């Protein structure tokens, strides 16, 4: 697991759904309380050249948190991130987090890669796709394109199946 902690200038958080409507209620908050938000970087709404950005972090339950602050260029969409700081309340956007740190937990949301492999490859169902992602990590697409024979270490994938996965 990778960890990159980056100090940020400021951030805000707004609990919204992908459609922009309010979703699950936030826990009881108080001004200045510690905040810890973790999830998948779902959207970057704005990013300036010096790194300031407005972005959304999606929780596993689908709720989105909107954040404002420094977002390093090496942190891209579908990365798993963790933002820490303190809660404040904004007059227009509601409860926000003044982000002090932004941690890159993982470069990619592995669940999304598994879902993609299941949907767009032959012979990789949920179990085999999950094992491929677990075993090869970010290299999984490189392995499928360049070295399909390496897939044979996964139970049930024969050399013929590995070639079929590679071809499609």
N, C-alpha and C. Protein backbone atom coordinates (compact mmCIF):
# COMPACT_ATOMS: atom_id res chain seq x y z
N UNK A 1 0.84 -1.17 0.00
CA UNK A 1 0.00 0.00 0.00
C UNK A 1 0.89 1.24 0.00
N UNK A 2 0.58 2.20 -0.87
CA UNK A 2 1.36 3.42 -0.96
C UNK A 2 0.81 4.46 -0.01
N UNK A 3 1.67 5.30 0.50
CA UNK A 3 1.22 6.39 1.37
C UNK A 3 2.01 7.64 1.03
N UNK A 4 1.31 8.67 0.65
CA UNK A 4 1.91 9.95 0.34
C UNK A 4 1.11 10.98 1.11
N UNK A 5 1.73 11.67 2.04
CA UNK A 5 1.03 12.69 2.81
C UNK A 5 1.46 14.04 2.29
N UNK A 6 0.50 14.85 1.91
CA UNK A 6 0.77 16.14 1.31
C UNK A 6 0.07 17.21 2.12
N UNK A 7 0.80 18.22 2.63
CA UNK A 7 0.12 19.31 3.33
C UNK A 7 -0.69 20.12 2.33
N UNK A 8 -1.85 20.60 2.76
CA UNK A 8 -2.68 21.39 1.87
C UNK A 8 -2.99 22.73 2.50
N UNK A 9 -3.44 23.65 1.68
CA UNK A 9 -3.72 24.99 2.17
C UNK A 9 -5.08 25.06 2.84
N UNK A 10 -6.11 24.54 2.20
CA UNK A 10 -7.44 24.54 2.81
C UNK A 10 -8.33 23.61 2.01
N UNK A 11 -9.48 23.26 2.59
CA UNK A 11 -10.42 22.41 1.87
C UNK A 11 -11.79 22.56 2.47
N UNK A 12 -12.76 22.16 1.71
CA UNK A 12 -14.11 22.12 2.23
C UNK A 12 -14.74 20.82 1.81
N UNK A 13 -15.71 20.38 2.56
CA UNK A 13 -16.36 19.12 2.28
C UNK A 13 -17.86 19.35 2.27
N UNK A 14 -18.54 18.76 1.31
CA UNK A 14 -19.99 18.89 1.22
C UNK A 14 -20.54 17.52 0.89
N UNK A 15 -21.45 17.03 1.68
CA UNK A 15 -22.00 15.69 1.51
C UNK A 15 -23.09 15.72 0.45
N UNK A 16 -22.76 15.28 -0.79
CA UNK A 16 -23.73 15.28 -1.87
C UNK A 16 -23.69 13.97 -2.61
N UNK A 17 -24.76 13.67 -3.31
CA UNK A 17 -24.82 12.48 -4.15
C UNK A 17 -24.29 12.86 -5.53
N UNK A 18 -24.12 11.87 -6.43
CA UNK A 18 -23.66 12.19 -7.78
C UNK A 18 -24.59 13.17 -8.49
N UNK A 19 -25.86 13.23 -8.10
CA UNK A 19 -26.79 14.15 -8.74
C UNK A 19 -26.77 15.52 -8.10
N UNK A 20 -26.02 15.68 -7.01
CA UNK A 20 -25.92 16.96 -6.34
C UNK A 20 -26.87 17.11 -5.16
N UNK A 21 -27.76 16.13 -4.94
CA UNK A 21 -28.71 16.22 -3.83
C UNK A 21 -28.04 15.78 -2.53
N UNK A 22 -28.52 16.31 -1.43
CA UNK A 22 -28.00 15.90 -0.12
C UNK A 22 -28.23 14.41 0.07
N UNK A 23 -27.28 13.74 0.68
CA UNK A 23 -27.42 12.30 0.92
C UNK A 23 -27.43 12.05 2.42
N UNK A 24 -26.79 10.98 2.83
CA UNK A 24 -26.80 10.60 4.24
C UNK A 24 -26.40 11.77 5.13
N UNK A 25 -27.06 11.92 6.28
CA UNK A 25 -26.69 13.01 7.16
C UNK A 25 -25.28 12.82 7.72
N UNK A 26 -24.57 13.92 7.86
CA UNK A 26 -23.25 13.86 8.45
C UNK A 26 -23.37 13.58 9.94
N UNK A 27 -22.36 13.01 10.56
CA UNK A 27 -22.43 12.80 12.01
C UNK A 27 -22.51 14.15 12.73
N UNK A 28 -22.86 14.11 13.99
CA UNK A 28 -22.94 15.34 14.76
C UNK A 28 -21.58 16.02 14.72
N UNK A 29 -21.56 17.24 14.22
CA UNK A 29 -20.30 17.95 14.02
C UNK A 29 -20.26 19.18 14.91
N UNK A 30 -19.05 19.58 15.20
CA UNK A 30 -18.86 20.84 15.90
C UNK A 30 -17.66 21.54 15.30
N UNK A 31 -17.73 22.84 15.28
CA UNK A 31 -16.68 23.67 14.70
C UNK A 31 -15.33 23.30 15.32
N UNK A 32 -14.35 23.06 14.48
CA UNK A 32 -13.01 22.76 14.95
C UNK A 32 -12.75 21.30 15.29
N UNK A 33 -13.78 20.44 15.22
CA UNK A 33 -13.59 19.01 15.51
C UNK A 33 -12.72 18.36 14.43
N UNK A 34 -12.00 17.33 14.81
CA UNK A 34 -11.14 16.62 13.86
C UNK A 34 -11.99 15.96 12.78
N UNK A 35 -11.51 16.00 11.55
CA UNK A 35 -12.20 15.40 10.41
C UNK A 35 -11.27 14.40 9.75
N UNK A 36 -11.84 13.29 9.31
CA UNK A 36 -11.09 12.24 8.63
C UNK A 36 -12.01 11.68 7.54
N UNK A 37 -11.71 11.96 6.27
CA UNK A 37 -12.55 11.55 5.15
C UNK A 37 -11.73 10.64 4.25
N UNK A 38 -12.24 9.43 3.98
CA UNK A 38 -11.52 8.49 3.11
C UNK A 38 -12.47 7.94 2.07
N UNK A 39 -11.97 7.80 0.85
CA UNK A 39 -12.77 7.23 -0.23
C UNK A 39 -12.03 7.35 -1.55
N UNK A 40 -12.78 7.16 -2.62
CA UNK A 40 -12.23 7.19 -3.98
C UNK A 40 -12.37 8.60 -4.55
N UNK A 41 -11.31 9.11 -5.16
CA UNK A 41 -11.37 10.40 -5.83
C UNK A 41 -12.28 10.23 -7.04
N UNK A 42 -13.52 10.71 -6.91
CA UNK A 42 -14.55 10.46 -7.92
C UNK A 42 -14.59 11.51 -9.02
N UNK A 43 -14.26 12.75 -8.70
CA UNK A 43 -14.33 13.81 -9.70
C UNK A 43 -13.41 14.95 -9.31
N UNK A 44 -12.83 15.58 -10.32
CA UNK A 44 -12.08 16.81 -10.12
C UNK A 44 -12.84 17.87 -10.91
N UNK A 45 -13.49 18.77 -10.19
CA UNK A 45 -14.34 19.77 -10.81
C UNK A 45 -13.54 20.96 -11.33
N UNK A 46 -12.42 21.24 -10.67
CA UNK A 46 -11.58 22.37 -11.05
C UNK A 46 -10.18 22.10 -10.51
N UNK A 47 -9.16 22.41 -11.31
CA UNK A 47 -7.77 22.28 -10.85
C UNK A 47 -6.96 23.37 -11.51
N UNK A 48 -6.30 24.20 -10.70
CA UNK A 48 -5.44 25.23 -11.27
C UNK A 48 -4.01 24.71 -11.33
N UNK A 49 -3.17 25.43 -12.06
CA UNK A 49 -1.80 24.97 -12.30
C UNK A 49 -0.95 24.83 -11.05
N UNK A 50 -1.25 25.58 -10.00
CA UNK A 50 -0.47 25.48 -8.75
C UNK A 50 -0.96 24.36 -7.84
N UNK A 51 -2.03 23.64 -8.26
CA UNK A 51 -2.48 22.49 -7.51
C UNK A 51 -3.78 22.65 -6.74
N UNK A 52 -4.27 23.89 -6.61
CA UNK A 52 -5.54 24.06 -5.92
C UNK A 52 -6.63 23.39 -6.74
N UNK A 53 -7.53 22.67 -6.08
CA UNK A 53 -8.57 21.95 -6.80
C UNK A 53 -9.86 21.88 -5.99
N UNK A 54 -10.94 21.68 -6.72
CA UNK A 54 -12.23 21.35 -6.13
C UNK A 54 -12.52 19.94 -6.61
N UNK A 55 -12.70 19.02 -5.68
CA UNK A 55 -12.86 17.61 -6.04
C UNK A 55 -13.84 16.91 -5.12
N UNK A 56 -14.30 15.73 -5.55
CA UNK A 56 -15.24 14.95 -4.76
C UNK A 56 -14.62 13.61 -4.40
N UNK A 57 -14.83 13.22 -3.14
CA UNK A 57 -14.39 11.92 -2.64
C UNK A 57 -15.64 11.09 -2.40
N UNK A 58 -15.67 9.89 -2.97
CA UNK A 58 -16.84 9.02 -2.84
C UNK A 58 -16.58 7.92 -1.82
N UNK A 59 -17.49 7.79 -0.86
CA UNK A 59 -17.42 6.74 0.14
C UNK A 59 -17.91 5.42 -0.46
N UNK A 60 -17.57 4.27 0.14
CA UNK A 60 -18.05 2.99 -0.38
C UNK A 60 -19.57 2.90 -0.48
N UNK A 61 -20.30 3.65 0.37
CA UNK A 61 -21.77 3.62 0.32
C UNK A 61 -22.34 4.50 -0.78
N UNK A 62 -21.49 5.17 -1.55
CA UNK A 62 -21.94 6.00 -2.66
C UNK A 62 -22.07 7.48 -2.33
N UNK A 63 -22.03 7.84 -1.05
CA UNK A 63 -22.12 9.25 -0.67
C UNK A 63 -20.86 9.97 -1.12
N UNK A 64 -21.02 11.20 -1.57
CA UNK A 64 -19.88 11.99 -2.02
C UNK A 64 -19.62 13.16 -1.09
N UNK A 65 -18.35 13.46 -0.92
CA UNK A 65 -17.91 14.57 -0.10
C UNK A 65 -17.13 15.51 -1.02
N UNK A 66 -17.51 16.77 -1.04
CA UNK A 66 -16.83 17.74 -1.89
C UNK A 66 -15.72 18.40 -1.09
N UNK A 67 -14.55 18.53 -1.68
CA UNK A 67 -13.40 19.09 -0.98
C UNK A 67 -12.73 20.16 -1.83
N UNK A 68 -12.17 21.15 -1.15
CA UNK A 68 -11.39 22.19 -1.81
C UNK A 68 -10.03 22.20 -1.16
N UNK A 69 -8.99 22.24 -1.97
CA UNK A 69 -7.65 22.29 -1.42
C UNK A 69 -6.62 21.82 -2.41
N UNK A 70 -5.42 21.68 -1.93
CA UNK A 70 -4.30 21.26 -2.77
C UNK A 70 -4.46 19.80 -3.14
N UNK A 71 -4.42 19.51 -4.45
CA UNK A 71 -4.51 18.15 -4.98
C UNK A 71 -3.33 17.94 -5.91
N UNK A 72 -2.31 17.19 -5.45
CA UNK A 72 -1.12 16.99 -6.28
C UNK A 72 -1.46 16.32 -7.62
N UNK A 73 -0.72 16.66 -8.65
CA UNK A 73 -0.96 16.11 -9.99
C UNK A 73 -0.83 14.59 -10.02
N UNK A 74 0.00 14.01 -9.15
CA UNK A 74 0.19 12.55 -9.18
C UNK A 74 -1.00 11.79 -8.60
N UNK A 75 -1.94 12.49 -8.00
CA UNK A 75 -3.16 11.84 -7.50
C UNK A 75 -4.23 12.02 -8.57
N UNK A 76 -4.67 10.90 -9.18
CA UNK A 76 -5.60 10.97 -10.30
C UNK A 76 -6.94 10.34 -9.94
N UNK A 77 -7.89 10.45 -10.87
CA UNK A 77 -9.21 9.87 -10.66
C UNK A 77 -9.12 8.39 -10.33
N UNK A 78 -10.05 7.94 -9.51
CA UNK A 78 -10.19 6.55 -9.02
C UNK A 78 -9.12 6.17 -8.01
N UNK A 79 -8.26 7.11 -7.62
CA UNK A 79 -7.29 6.84 -6.55
C UNK A 79 -8.04 6.83 -5.22
N UNK A 80 -7.56 6.03 -4.29
CA UNK A 80 -8.13 6.01 -2.95
C UNK A 80 -7.34 7.01 -2.12
N UNK A 81 -8.04 7.99 -1.53
CA UNK A 81 -7.39 9.05 -0.77
C UNK A 81 -8.00 9.17 0.62
N UNK A 82 -7.25 9.83 1.49
CA UNK A 82 -7.71 10.12 2.84
C UNK A 82 -7.34 11.57 3.16
N UNK A 83 -8.36 12.36 3.50
CA UNK A 83 -8.14 13.76 3.83
C UNK A 83 -8.39 13.96 5.32
N UNK A 84 -7.49 14.67 5.98
CA UNK A 84 -7.64 14.94 7.40
C UNK A 84 -7.55 16.43 7.67
N UNK A 85 -8.25 16.87 8.69
CA UNK A 85 -8.23 18.29 9.04
C UNK A 85 -9.24 18.59 10.12
N UNK A 86 -9.90 19.73 10.02
CA UNK A 86 -10.90 20.13 11.00
C UNK A 86 -12.19 20.57 10.30
N UNK A 87 -13.32 20.34 10.97
CA UNK A 87 -14.62 20.73 10.43
C UNK A 87 -14.88 22.21 10.64
N UNK A 88 -15.47 22.83 9.61
CA UNK A 88 -15.99 24.19 9.71
C UNK A 88 -17.33 24.20 8.98
N UNK A 89 -18.13 25.21 9.22
CA UNK A 89 -19.41 25.30 8.52
C UNK A 89 -19.42 26.51 7.61
N UNK A 90 -19.69 26.28 6.33
CA UNK A 90 -19.74 27.32 5.32
C UNK A 90 -21.20 27.75 5.15
N UNK A 91 -21.44 29.05 4.99
CA UNK A 91 -22.80 29.56 4.87
C UNK A 91 -23.56 28.96 3.69
N UNK A 92 -22.89 28.74 2.58
CA UNK A 92 -23.57 28.22 1.37
C UNK A 92 -23.47 26.71 1.23
N UNK A 93 -22.30 26.12 1.53
CA UNK A 93 -22.07 24.71 1.25
C UNK A 93 -22.19 23.80 2.46
N UNK A 94 -22.46 24.35 3.62
CA UNK A 94 -22.63 23.52 4.81
C UNK A 94 -21.30 23.14 5.44
N UNK A 95 -21.29 21.96 6.07
CA UNK A 95 -20.09 21.51 6.77
C UNK A 95 -18.96 21.24 5.80
N UNK A 96 -17.78 21.71 6.16
CA UNK A 96 -16.58 21.58 5.33
C UNK A 96 -15.42 21.14 6.19
N UNK A 97 -14.41 20.67 5.53
CA UNK A 97 -13.18 20.30 6.23
C UNK A 97 -12.06 21.23 5.78
N UNK A 98 -11.39 21.82 6.74
CA UNK A 98 -10.15 22.54 6.44
C UNK A 98 -9.06 21.47 6.42
N UNK A 99 -8.68 21.04 5.24
CA UNK A 99 -7.76 19.90 5.09
C UNK A 99 -6.34 20.31 5.44
N UNK A 100 -5.73 19.52 6.29
CA UNK A 100 -4.33 19.73 6.67
C UNK A 100 -3.42 18.73 5.96
N UNK A 101 -3.95 17.52 5.69
CA UNK A 101 -3.17 16.49 5.00
C UNK A 101 -4.04 15.78 3.98
N UNK A 102 -3.43 15.35 2.91
CA UNK A 102 -4.09 14.52 1.91
C UNK A 102 -3.17 13.34 1.67
N UNK A 103 -3.67 12.15 1.94
CA UNK A 103 -2.86 10.94 1.83
C UNK A 103 -3.34 10.10 0.65
N UNK A 104 -2.41 9.66 -0.17
CA UNK A 104 -2.72 8.74 -1.26
C UNK A 104 -2.64 7.34 -0.66
N UNK A 105 -3.78 6.70 -0.52
CA UNK A 105 -3.84 5.36 0.07
C UNK A 105 -3.47 4.32 -0.98
N UNK A 106 -4.01 4.48 -2.19
CA UNK A 106 -3.71 3.57 -3.29
C UNK A 106 -3.96 4.32 -4.60
N UNK A 107 -3.18 4.02 -5.62
CA UNK A 107 -3.31 4.72 -6.90
C UNK A 107 -4.60 4.41 -7.64
N UNK A 108 -5.25 3.30 -7.28
CA UNK A 108 -6.44 2.90 -8.02
C UNK A 108 -7.42 2.20 -7.09
N UNK A 109 -8.69 2.41 -7.34
CA UNK A 109 -9.74 1.70 -6.62
C UNK A 109 -9.82 0.31 -7.24
N UNK A 110 -9.33 -0.67 -6.53
CA UNK A 110 -9.25 -2.04 -7.07
C UNK A 110 -10.62 -2.62 -7.42
N UNK A 111 -11.66 -2.21 -6.70
CA UNK A 111 -13.01 -2.70 -7.01
C UNK A 111 -13.41 -2.29 -8.42
N UNK A 112 -13.05 -1.07 -8.82
CA UNK A 112 -13.38 -0.60 -10.15
C UNK A 112 -12.64 -1.37 -11.24
N UNK A 113 -11.39 -1.72 -10.99
CA UNK A 113 -10.61 -2.50 -11.96
C UNK A 113 -11.21 -3.89 -12.11
N UNK A 114 -11.59 -4.51 -10.99
CA UNK A 114 -12.21 -5.85 -11.04
C UNK A 114 -13.50 -5.77 -11.85
N UNK A 115 -14.34 -4.79 -11.58
CA UNK A 115 -15.61 -4.64 -12.31
C UNK A 115 -15.35 -4.45 -13.81
N UNK A 116 -14.34 -3.66 -14.16
CA UNK A 116 -14.00 -3.45 -15.56
C UNK A 116 -13.58 -4.77 -16.22
N UNK A 117 -12.70 -5.52 -15.55
CA UNK A 117 -12.23 -6.79 -16.11
C UNK A 117 -13.37 -7.77 -16.31
N UNK A 118 -14.28 -7.84 -15.35
CA UNK A 118 -15.42 -8.75 -15.46
C UNK A 118 -16.29 -8.37 -16.66
N UNK A 119 -16.51 -7.07 -16.83
CA UNK A 119 -17.39 -6.60 -17.90
C UNK A 119 -16.77 -6.71 -19.29
N UNK A 120 -15.45 -6.55 -19.40
CA UNK A 120 -14.85 -6.41 -20.72
C UNK A 120 -13.84 -7.49 -21.10
N UNK A 121 -13.75 -8.55 -20.34
CA UNK A 121 -12.85 -9.64 -20.74
C UNK A 121 -13.58 -10.97 -20.73
N UNK A 122 -13.07 -11.90 -21.47
CA UNK A 122 -13.60 -13.25 -21.50
C UNK A 122 -12.78 -14.11 -20.53
N UNK A 123 -13.44 -14.99 -19.81
CA UNK A 123 -12.81 -15.93 -18.87
C UNK A 123 -12.32 -15.28 -17.58
N UNK A 124 -12.66 -14.05 -17.32
CA UNK A 124 -12.33 -13.43 -16.04
C UNK A 124 -13.62 -13.02 -15.35
N UNK A 125 -14.13 -13.93 -14.53
CA UNK A 125 -15.30 -13.61 -13.71
C UNK A 125 -14.83 -12.87 -12.46
N UNK A 126 -15.73 -12.63 -11.52
CA UNK A 126 -15.37 -11.85 -10.33
C UNK A 126 -14.23 -12.45 -9.51
N UNK A 127 -14.19 -13.76 -9.37
CA UNK A 127 -13.16 -14.38 -8.53
C UNK A 127 -11.79 -14.31 -9.21
N UNK A 128 -11.73 -14.70 -10.47
CA UNK A 128 -10.45 -14.66 -11.19
C UNK A 128 -9.97 -13.22 -11.40
N UNK A 129 -10.88 -12.32 -11.70
CA UNK A 129 -10.50 -10.92 -11.90
C UNK A 129 -9.94 -10.34 -10.60
N UNK A 130 -10.60 -10.64 -9.47
CA UNK A 130 -10.11 -10.15 -8.18
C UNK A 130 -8.73 -10.71 -7.87
N UNK A 131 -8.52 -11.98 -8.19
CA UNK A 131 -7.20 -12.57 -7.94
C UNK A 131 -6.14 -11.94 -8.85
N UNK A 132 -6.49 -11.65 -10.10
CA UNK A 132 -5.54 -11.02 -11.01
C UNK A 132 -5.15 -9.64 -10.50
N UNK A 133 -6.13 -8.87 -10.04
CA UNK A 133 -5.84 -7.53 -9.52
C UNK A 133 -5.02 -7.62 -8.24
N UNK A 134 -5.36 -8.57 -7.38
CA UNK A 134 -4.60 -8.75 -6.14
C UNK A 134 -3.15 -9.15 -6.44
N UNK A 135 -2.97 -10.06 -7.37
CA UNK A 135 -1.64 -10.58 -7.68
C UNK A 135 -0.78 -9.58 -8.46
N UNK A 136 -1.38 -8.90 -9.44
CA UNK A 136 -0.60 -8.04 -10.34
C UNK A 136 -0.74 -6.55 -10.06
N UNK A 137 -1.73 -6.15 -9.27
CA UNK A 137 -1.91 -4.74 -8.92
C UNK A 137 -2.07 -3.87 -10.15
N UNK A 138 -1.32 -2.77 -10.17
CA UNK A 138 -1.42 -1.82 -11.29
C UNK A 138 -0.89 -2.39 -12.59
N UNK A 139 -0.18 -3.50 -12.52
CA UNK A 139 0.38 -4.14 -13.72
C UNK A 139 -0.64 -5.02 -14.44
N UNK A 140 -1.85 -5.18 -13.91
CA UNK A 140 -2.78 -6.17 -14.45
C UNK A 140 -3.05 -5.95 -15.94
N UNK A 141 -3.22 -4.71 -16.39
CA UNK A 141 -3.49 -4.47 -17.81
C UNK A 141 -2.25 -4.73 -18.66
N UNK A 142 -1.09 -4.39 -18.13
CA UNK A 142 0.17 -4.70 -18.82
C UNK A 142 0.34 -6.21 -18.97
N UNK A 143 0.03 -6.96 -17.93
CA UNK A 143 0.14 -8.42 -17.99
C UNK A 143 -0.79 -8.97 -19.06
N UNK A 144 -2.02 -8.50 -19.09
CA UNK A 144 -2.98 -8.99 -20.09
C UNK A 144 -2.50 -8.65 -21.50
N UNK A 145 -1.99 -7.43 -21.71
CA UNK A 145 -1.54 -7.00 -23.05
C UNK A 145 -0.21 -7.62 -23.47
N UNK A 146 0.77 -7.62 -22.55
CA UNK A 146 2.14 -7.95 -22.92
C UNK A 146 2.61 -9.35 -22.51
N UNK A 147 2.08 -9.87 -21.39
CA UNK A 147 2.56 -11.14 -20.84
C UNK A 147 1.40 -12.02 -20.39
N UNK A 148 0.47 -12.38 -21.28
CA UNK A 148 -0.71 -13.13 -20.86
C UNK A 148 -0.38 -14.48 -20.22
N UNK A 149 0.79 -15.05 -20.55
CA UNK A 149 1.18 -16.33 -19.95
C UNK A 149 1.30 -16.24 -18.43
N UNK A 150 1.56 -15.04 -17.89
CA UNK A 150 1.65 -14.87 -16.44
C UNK A 150 0.31 -15.11 -15.76
N UNK A 151 -0.79 -14.99 -16.51
CA UNK A 151 -2.12 -15.22 -15.94
C UNK A 151 -2.33 -16.67 -15.53
N UNK A 152 -1.51 -17.57 -16.05
CA UNK A 152 -1.67 -19.00 -15.77
C UNK A 152 -1.41 -19.35 -14.31
N UNK A 153 -0.86 -18.44 -13.52
CA UNK A 153 -0.67 -18.70 -12.08
C UNK A 153 -2.00 -18.65 -11.33
N UNK A 154 -3.03 -18.13 -11.98
CA UNK A 154 -4.37 -18.06 -11.38
C UNK A 154 -5.09 -19.37 -11.66
N UNK A 155 -5.63 -19.96 -10.61
CA UNK A 155 -6.33 -21.25 -10.73
C UNK A 155 -7.44 -21.15 -11.77
N UNK A 156 -7.44 -22.09 -12.71
CA UNK A 156 -8.47 -22.14 -13.73
C UNK A 156 -8.12 -21.44 -15.02
N UNK A 157 -6.99 -20.73 -15.05
CA UNK A 157 -6.59 -20.07 -16.30
C UNK A 157 -5.49 -20.89 -16.95
N UNK A 158 -5.86 -21.51 -18.06
CA UNK A 158 -4.92 -22.33 -18.83
C UNK A 158 -4.20 -21.43 -19.84
N UNK A 159 -3.15 -21.92 -20.49
CA UNK A 159 -2.50 -21.12 -21.53
C UNK A 159 -3.47 -20.69 -22.64
N UNK A 160 -4.40 -21.58 -23.02
CA UNK A 160 -5.39 -21.21 -24.05
C UNK A 160 -6.30 -20.08 -23.56
N UNK A 161 -6.76 -20.17 -22.32
CA UNK A 161 -7.62 -19.12 -21.76
C UNK A 161 -6.85 -17.81 -21.65
N UNK A 162 -5.59 -17.89 -21.26
CA UNK A 162 -4.78 -16.68 -21.15
C UNK A 162 -4.68 -15.99 -22.51
N UNK A 163 -4.51 -16.77 -23.57
CA UNK A 163 -4.44 -16.19 -24.92
C UNK A 163 -5.78 -15.59 -25.35
N UNK A 164 -6.89 -16.24 -24.94
CA UNK A 164 -8.23 -15.70 -25.24
C UNK A 164 -8.44 -14.38 -24.52
N UNK A 165 -8.03 -14.29 -23.25
CA UNK A 165 -8.14 -13.05 -22.49
C UNK A 165 -7.33 -11.96 -23.18
N UNK A 166 -6.12 -12.31 -23.61
CA UNK A 166 -5.23 -11.37 -24.29
C UNK A 166 -5.85 -10.87 -25.61
N UNK A 167 -6.47 -11.77 -26.35
CA UNK A 167 -7.02 -11.45 -27.67
C UNK A 167 -8.24 -10.54 -27.59
N UNK A 168 -8.96 -10.60 -26.50
CA UNK A 168 -10.19 -9.81 -26.40
C UNK A 168 -9.93 -8.64 -25.55
